[in-house]
Every structure is written in structure tokens, then in C-alpha cells.
Amino acid sequence: LLIQDEVELLTRALLEWGGPAHCSD
């Protein structure tokens, strides 16, 4: 579906949830 740069964006975005992002239940 995606090119490598797009995959890397999704991967990096998911990583943000373990860092600066604050998600409620």
C-alpha cells in the first residue's frame, strides 16, 4: 500500500504515544 517514507511516518507517529503524547483511556 505504501512507500517506505509513508511507513516511517506511521511508525514514528505510533512511537509518539509513548513519549510526548498523553492519551486517556
PDB file of all heavy atoms in Angstrom:
ATOM      1  N   LEU A   1       0.790  -1.230   0.000  1.00  0.00           N
ATOM      2  CA  LEU A   1       0.000   0.000   0.000  1.00  0.00           C
ATOM      3  C   LEU A   1       0.821   1.279   0.000  1.00  0.00           C
ATOM      4  O   LEU A   1       0.396   2.289  -0.551  1.00  0.00           O
ATOM      5  CB  LEU A   1      -0.904   0.023   1.241  1.00  0.00           C
ATOM      6  CG  LEU A   1      -1.905  -1.099   1.403  1.00  0.00           C
ATOM      7  CD1 LEU A   1      -2.537  -1.047   2.782  1.00  0.00           C
ATOM      8  CD2 LEU A   1      -2.972  -1.013   0.314  1.00  0.00           C
ATOM      9  N   LEU A   2       1.946   1.243   0.674  1.00  0.00           N
ATOM     10  CA  LEU A   2       2.677   2.476   0.980  1.00  0.00           C
ATOM     11  C   LEU A   2       4.140   2.397   0.560  1.00  0.00           C
ATOM     12  O   LEU A   2       4.698   1.307   0.479  1.00  0.00           O
ATOM     13  CB  LEU A   2       2.626   2.741   2.491  1.00  0.00           C
ATOM     14  CG  LEU A   2       1.244   2.760   3.142  1.00  0.00           C
ATOM     15  CD1 LEU A   2       1.379   2.812   4.659  1.00  0.00           C
ATOM     16  CD2 LEU A   2       0.420   3.925   2.625  1.00  0.00           C
ATOM     17  N   ILE A   3       4.750   3.567   0.362  1.00  0.00           N
ATOM     18  CA  ILE A   3       6.189   3.626   0.151  1.00  0.00           C
ATOM     19  C   ILE A   3       6.874   3.730   1.515  1.00  0.00           C
ATOM     20  O   ILE A   3       6.226   4.024   2.528  1.00  0.00           O
ATOM     21  CB  ILE A   3       6.596   4.799  -0.773  1.00  0.00           C
ATOM     22  CG1 ILE A   3       6.259   6.149  -0.138  1.00  0.00           C
ATOM     23  CG2 ILE A   3       5.954   4.647  -2.154  1.00  0.00           C
ATOM     24  CD1 ILE A   3       6.816   7.346  -0.879  1.00  0.00           C
ATOM     25  N   GLN A   4       8.155   3.519   1.542  1.00  0.00           N
ATOM     26  CA  GLN A   4       8.899   3.451   2.795  1.00  0.00           C
ATOM     27  C   GLN A   4       8.762   4.717   3.647  1.00  0.00           C
ATOM     28  O   GLN A   4       8.602   4.629   4.859  1.00  0.00           O
ATOM     29  CB  GLN A   4      10.386   3.149   2.533  1.00  0.00           C
ATOM     30  CG  GLN A   4      11.168   2.856   3.791  1.00  0.00           C
ATOM     31  CD  GLN A   4      10.624   1.668   4.584  1.00  0.00           C
ATOM     32  OE1 GLN A   4      10.177   0.680   4.015  1.00  0.00           O
ATOM     33  NE2 GLN A   4      10.639   1.764   5.898  1.00  0.00           N
ATOM     34  N   ASP A   5       8.813   5.897   3.043  1.00  0.00           N
ATOM     35  CA  ASP A   5       8.673   7.141   3.812  1.00  0.00           C
ATOM     36  C   ASP A   5       7.329   7.213   4.522  1.00  0.00           C
ATOM     37  O   ASP A   5       7.234   7.720   5.641  1.00  0.00           O
ATOM     38  CB  ASP A   5       8.838   8.370   2.909  1.00  0.00           C
ATOM     39  CG  ASP A   5      10.278   8.618   2.498  1.00  0.00           C
ATOM     40  OD1 ASP A   5      11.197   8.019   3.102  1.00  0.00           O
ATOM     41  OD2 ASP A   5      10.482   9.419   1.566  1.00  0.00           O
ATOM     42  N   GLU A   6       6.299   6.712   3.891  1.00  0.00           N
ATOM     43  CA  GLU A   6       4.964   6.716   4.495  1.00  0.00           C
ATOM     44  C   GLU A   6       4.893   5.732   5.662  1.00  0.00           C
ATOM     45  O   GLU A   6       4.314   6.043   6.698  1.00  0.00           O
ATOM     46  CB  GLU A   6       3.918   6.387   3.426  1.00  0.00           C
ATOM     47  CG  GLU A   6       3.840   7.455   2.352  1.00  0.00           C
ATOM     48  CD  GLU A   6       3.211   7.011   1.055  1.00  0.00           C
ATOM     49  OE1 GLU A   6       2.966   5.793   0.870  1.00  0.00           O
ATOM     50  OE2 GLU A   6       2.965   7.890   0.202  1.00  0.00           O
ATOM     51  N   VAL A   7       5.514   4.592   5.492  1.00  0.00           N
ATOM     52  CA  VAL A   7       5.588   3.606   6.579  1.00  0.00           C
ATOM     53  C   VAL A   7       6.343   4.205   7.761  1.00  0.00           C
ATOM     54  O   VAL A   7       5.935   4.059   8.918  1.00  0.00           O
ATOM     55  CB  VAL A   7       6.263   2.302   6.099  1.00  0.00           C
ATOM     56  CG1 VAL A   7       6.505   1.348   7.264  1.00  0.00           C
ATOM     57  CG2 VAL A   7       5.421   1.629   5.020  1.00  0.00           C
ATOM     58  N   GLU A   8       7.426   4.895   7.485  1.00  0.00           N
ATOM     59  CA  GLU A   8       8.215   5.515   8.554  1.00  0.00           C
ATOM     60  C   GLU A   8       7.422   6.586   9.285  1.00  0.00           C
ATOM     61  O   GLU A   8       7.554   6.726  10.507  1.00  0.00           O
ATOM     62  CB  GLU A   8       9.506   6.087   7.980  1.00  0.00           C
ATOM     63  CG  GLU A   8      10.485   4.997   7.559  1.00  0.00           C
ATOM     64  CD  GLU A   8      11.696   5.521   6.795  1.00  0.00           C
ATOM     65  OE1 GLU A   8      11.858   6.761   6.660  1.00  0.00           O
ATOM     66  OE2 GLU A   8      12.471   4.681   6.315  1.00  0.00           O
ATOM     67  N   LEU A   9       6.589   7.333   8.582  1.00  0.00           N
ATOM     68  CA  LEU A   9       5.742   8.333   9.247  1.00  0.00           C
ATOM     69  C   LEU A   9       4.777   7.654  10.211  1.00  0.00           C
ATOM     70  O   LEU A   9       4.641   8.077  11.370  1.00  0.00           O
ATOM     71  CB  LEU A   9       4.970   9.167   8.228  1.00  0.00           C
ATOM     72  CG  LEU A   9       3.943  10.137   8.832  1.00  0.00           C
ATOM     73  CD1 LEU A   9       4.621  11.182   9.709  1.00  0.00           C
ATOM     74  CD2 LEU A   9       3.121  10.797   7.745  1.00  0.00           C
ATOM     75  N   LEU A  10       4.108   6.605   9.773  1.00  0.00           N
ATOM     76  CA  LEU A  10       3.173   5.890  10.655  1.00  0.00           C
ATOM     77  C   LEU A  10       3.897   5.296  11.858  1.00  0.00           C
ATOM     78  O   LEU A  10       3.408   5.386  12.988  1.00  0.00           O
ATOM     79  CB  LEU A  10       2.461   4.777   9.881  1.00  0.00           C
ATOM     80  CG  LEU A  10       1.528   5.217   8.758  1.00  0.00           C
ATOM     81  CD1 LEU A  10       0.990   3.999   8.022  1.00  0.00           C
ATOM     82  CD2 LEU A  10       0.398   6.096   9.268  1.00  0.00           C
ATOM     83  N   THR A  11       5.055   4.726  11.620  1.00  0.00           N
ATOM     84  CA  THR A  11       5.841   4.128  12.701  1.00  0.00           C
ATOM     85  C   THR A  11       6.243   5.186  13.721  1.00  0.00           C
ATOM     86  O   THR A  11       6.112   4.986  14.933  1.00  0.00           O
ATOM     87  CB  THR A  11       7.094   3.433  12.125  1.00  0.00           C
ATOM     88  OG1 THR A  11       6.667   2.450  11.172  1.00  0.00           O
ATOM     89  CG2 THR A  11       7.902   2.760  13.203  1.00  0.00           C
ATOM     90  N   ARG A  12       6.698   6.332  13.243  1.00  0.00           N
ATOM     91  CA  ARG A  12       7.115   7.416  14.142  1.00  0.00           C
ATOM     92  C   ARG A  12       5.929   7.969  14.913  1.00  0.00           C
ATOM     93  O   ARG A  12       6.024   8.285  16.106  1.00  0.00           O
ATOM     94  CB  ARG A  12       7.811   8.532  13.354  1.00  0.00           C
ATOM     95  CG  ARG A  12       8.365   9.637  14.225  1.00  0.00           C
ATOM     96  CD  ARG A  12       9.466   9.072  15.125  1.00  0.00           C
ATOM     97  NE  ARG A  12      10.044  10.102  15.960  1.00  0.00           N
ATOM     98  CZ  ARG A  12       9.734  10.279  17.234  1.00  0.00           C
ATOM     99  NH1 ARG A  12       8.848   9.512  17.821  1.00  0.00           N
ATOM    100  NH2 ARG A  12      10.325  11.228  17.932  1.00  0.00           N
ATOM    101  N   ALA A  13       4.800   8.092  14.245  1.00  0.00           N
ATOM    102  CA  ALA A  13       3.606   8.613  14.910  1.00  0.00           C
ATOM    103  C   ALA A  13       3.163   7.692  16.042  1.00  0.00           C
ATOM    104  O   ALA A  13       2.822   8.168  17.133  1.00  0.00           O
ATOM    105  CB  ALA A  13       2.481   8.795  13.891  1.00  0.00           C
ATOM    106  N   LEU A  14       3.182   6.402  15.807  1.00  0.00           N
ATOM    107  CA  LEU A  14       2.813   5.456  16.871  1.00  0.00           C
ATOM    108  C   LEU A  14       3.765   5.563  18.057  1.00  0.00           C
ATOM    109  O   LEU A  14       3.347   5.427  19.206  1.00  0.00           O
ATOM    110  CB  LEU A  14       2.788   4.029  16.326  1.00  0.00           C
ATOM    111  CG  LEU A  14       1.651   3.702  15.366  1.00  0.00           C
ATOM    112  CD1 LEU A  14       1.892   2.347  14.697  1.00  0.00           C
ATOM    113  CD2 LEU A  14       0.306   3.725  16.079  1.00  0.00           C
ATOM    114  N   LEU A  15       5.023   5.826  17.784  1.00  0.00           N
ATOM    115  CA  LEU A  15       6.013   5.975  18.848  1.00  0.00           C
ATOM    116  C   LEU A  15       5.735   7.206  19.715  1.00  0.00           C
ATOM    117  O   LEU A  15       6.011   7.203  20.912  1.00  0.00           O
ATOM    118  CB  LEU A  15       7.419   6.059  18.254  1.00  0.00           C
ATOM    119  CG  LEU A  15       8.582   6.101  19.231  1.00  0.00           C
ATOM    120  CD1 LEU A  15       8.645   4.825  20.070  1.00  0.00           C
ATOM    121  CD2 LEU A  15       9.895   6.298  18.468  1.00  0.00           C
ATOM    122  N   GLU A  16       5.147   8.233  19.134  1.00  0.00           N
ATOM    123  CA  GLU A  16       4.838   9.461  19.874  1.00  0.00           C
ATOM    124  C   GLU A  16       3.919   9.199  21.067  1.00  0.00           C
ATOM    125  O   GLU A  16       3.975   9.911  22.065  1.00  0.00           O
ATOM    126  CB  GLU A  16       4.193  10.506  18.966  1.00  0.00           C
ATOM    127  CG  GLU A  16       5.133  11.163  17.989  1.00  0.00           C
ATOM    128  CD  GLU A  16       6.158  12.038  18.670  1.00  0.00           C
ATOM    129  OE1 GLU A  16       5.813  13.133  19.147  1.00  0.00           O
ATOM    130  OE2 GLU A  16       7.335  11.608  18.719  1.00  0.00           O
ATOM    131  N   TRP A  17       3.068   8.191  20.979  1.00  0.00           N
ATOM    132  CA  TRP A  17       2.158   7.894  22.085  1.00  0.00           C
ATOM    133  C   TRP A  17       2.919   7.458  23.328  1.00  0.00           C
ATOM    134  O   TRP A  17       2.419   7.610  24.437  1.00  0.00           O
ATOM    135  CB  TRP A  17       1.124   6.841  21.688  1.00  0.00           C
ATOM    136  CG  TRP A  17       0.122   7.394  20.740  1.00  0.00           C
ATOM    137  CD1 TRP A  17      -0.018   7.101  19.424  1.00  0.00           C
ATOM    138  CD2 TRP A  17      -0.873   8.378  21.028  1.00  0.00           C
ATOM    139  NE1 TRP A  17      -1.038   7.840  18.870  1.00  0.00           N
ATOM    140  CE2 TRP A  17      -1.578   8.628  19.846  1.00  0.00           C
ATOM    141  CE3 TRP A  17      -1.244   9.078  22.187  1.00  0.00           C
ATOM    142  CZ2 TRP A  17      -2.633   9.541  19.773  1.00  0.00           C
ATOM    143  CZ3 TRP A  17      -2.291   9.985  22.120  1.00  0.00           C
ATOM    144  CH2 TRP A  17      -2.975  10.212  20.925  1.00  0.00           C
ATOM    145  N   GLY A  18       4.116   6.961  23.175  1.00  0.00           N
ATOM    146  CA  GLY A  18       4.927   6.581  24.325  1.00  0.00           C
ATOM    147  C   GLY A  18       5.830   7.701  24.799  1.00  0.00           C
ATOM    148  O   GLY A  18       6.590   7.524  25.743  1.00  0.00           O
ATOM    149  N   GLY A  19       5.736   8.858  24.172  1.00  0.00           N
ATOM    150  CA  GLY A  19       6.594   9.988  24.521  1.00  0.00           C
ATOM    151  C   GLY A  19       5.791  11.202  24.922  1.00  0.00           C
ATOM    152  O   GLY A  19       5.126  11.196  25.953  1.00  0.00           O
ATOM    153  N   PRO A  20       5.775  12.221  24.081  1.00  0.00           N
ATOM    154  CA  PRO A  20       5.137  13.487  24.457  1.00  0.00           C
ATOM    155  C   PRO A  20       3.611  13.459  24.483  1.00  0.00           C
ATOM    156  O   PRO A  20       2.999  14.279  25.150  1.00  0.00           O
ATOM    157  CB  PRO A  20       5.636  14.465  23.394  1.00  0.00           C
ATOM    158  CG  PRO A  20       5.979  13.617  22.226  1.00  0.00           C
ATOM    159  CD  PRO A  20       6.452  12.304  22.789  1.00  0.00           C
ATOM    160  N   ALA A  21       2.993  12.521  23.781  1.00  0.00           N
ATOM    161  CA  ALA A  21       1.528  12.482  23.734  1.00  0.00           C
ATOM    162  C   ALA A  21       0.958  11.907  25.030  1.00  0.00           C
ATOM    163  O   ALA A  21       1.595  11.101  25.700  1.00  0.00           O
ATOM    164  CB  ALA A  21       1.084  11.635  22.545  1.00  0.00           C
ATOM    165  N   HIS A  22      -0.241  12.348  25.376  1.00  0.00           N
ATOM    166  CA  HIS A  22      -0.907  11.921  26.604  1.00  0.00           C
ATOM    167  C   HIS A  22      -2.308  11.446  26.269  1.00  0.00           C
ATOM    168  O   HIS A  22      -3.204  12.250  26.067  1.00  0.00           O
ATOM    169  CB  HIS A  22      -0.984  13.065  27.610  1.00  0.00           C
ATOM    170  CG  HIS A  22       0.354  13.619  27.953  1.00  0.00           C
ATOM    171  ND1 HIS A  22       1.235  12.968  28.774  1.00  0.00           N
ATOM    172  CD2 HIS A  22       0.975  14.747  27.547  1.00  0.00           C
ATOM    173  CE1 HIS A  22       2.342  13.680  28.893  1.00  0.00           C
ATOM    174  NE2 HIS A  22       2.205  14.757  28.148  1.00  0.00           N
ATOM    175  N   CYS A  23      -2.493  10.152  26.215  1.00  0.00           N
ATOM    176  CA  CYS A  23      -3.775   9.589  25.825  1.00  0.00           C
ATOM    177  C   CYS A  23      -4.550   9.122  27.048  1.00  0.00           C
ATOM    178  O   CYS A  23      -4.017   8.425  27.908  1.00  0.00           O
ATOM    179  CB  CYS A  23      -3.553   8.412  24.871  1.00  0.00           C
ATOM    180  SG  CYS A  23      -5.066   7.840  24.109  1.00  0.00           S
ATOM    181  N   SER A  24      -5.815   9.490  27.097  1.00  0.00           N
ATOM    182  CA  SER A  24      -6.699   8.977  28.146  1.00  0.00           C
ATOM    183  C   SER A  24      -7.188   7.594  27.737  1.00  0.00           C
ATOM    184  O   SER A  24      -7.140   7.216  26.561  1.00  0.00           O
ATOM    185  CB  SER A  24      -7.898   9.914  28.334  1.00  0.00           C
ATOM    186  OG  SER A  24      -8.718   9.880  27.170  1.00  0.00           O
ATOM    187  N   ASP A  25      -7.690   6.860  28.700  1.00  0.00           N
ATOM    188  CA  ASP A  25      -8.291   5.561  28.385  1.00  0.00           C
ATOM    189  C   ASP A  25      -9.475   5.732  27.432  1.00  0.00           C
ATOM    190  O   ASP A  25      -9.642   4.950  26.499  1.00  0.00           O
ATOM    191  CB  ASP A  25      -8.761   4.849  29.662  1.00  0.00           C
ATOM    192  CG  ASP A  25      -7.609   4.247  30.448  1.00  0.00           C
ATOM    193  OD1 ASP A  25      -6.612   3.815  29.838  1.00  0.00           O
ATOM    194  OD2 ASP A  25      -7.718   4.203  31.686  1.00  0.00           O
TER     195      ASP A  25
END
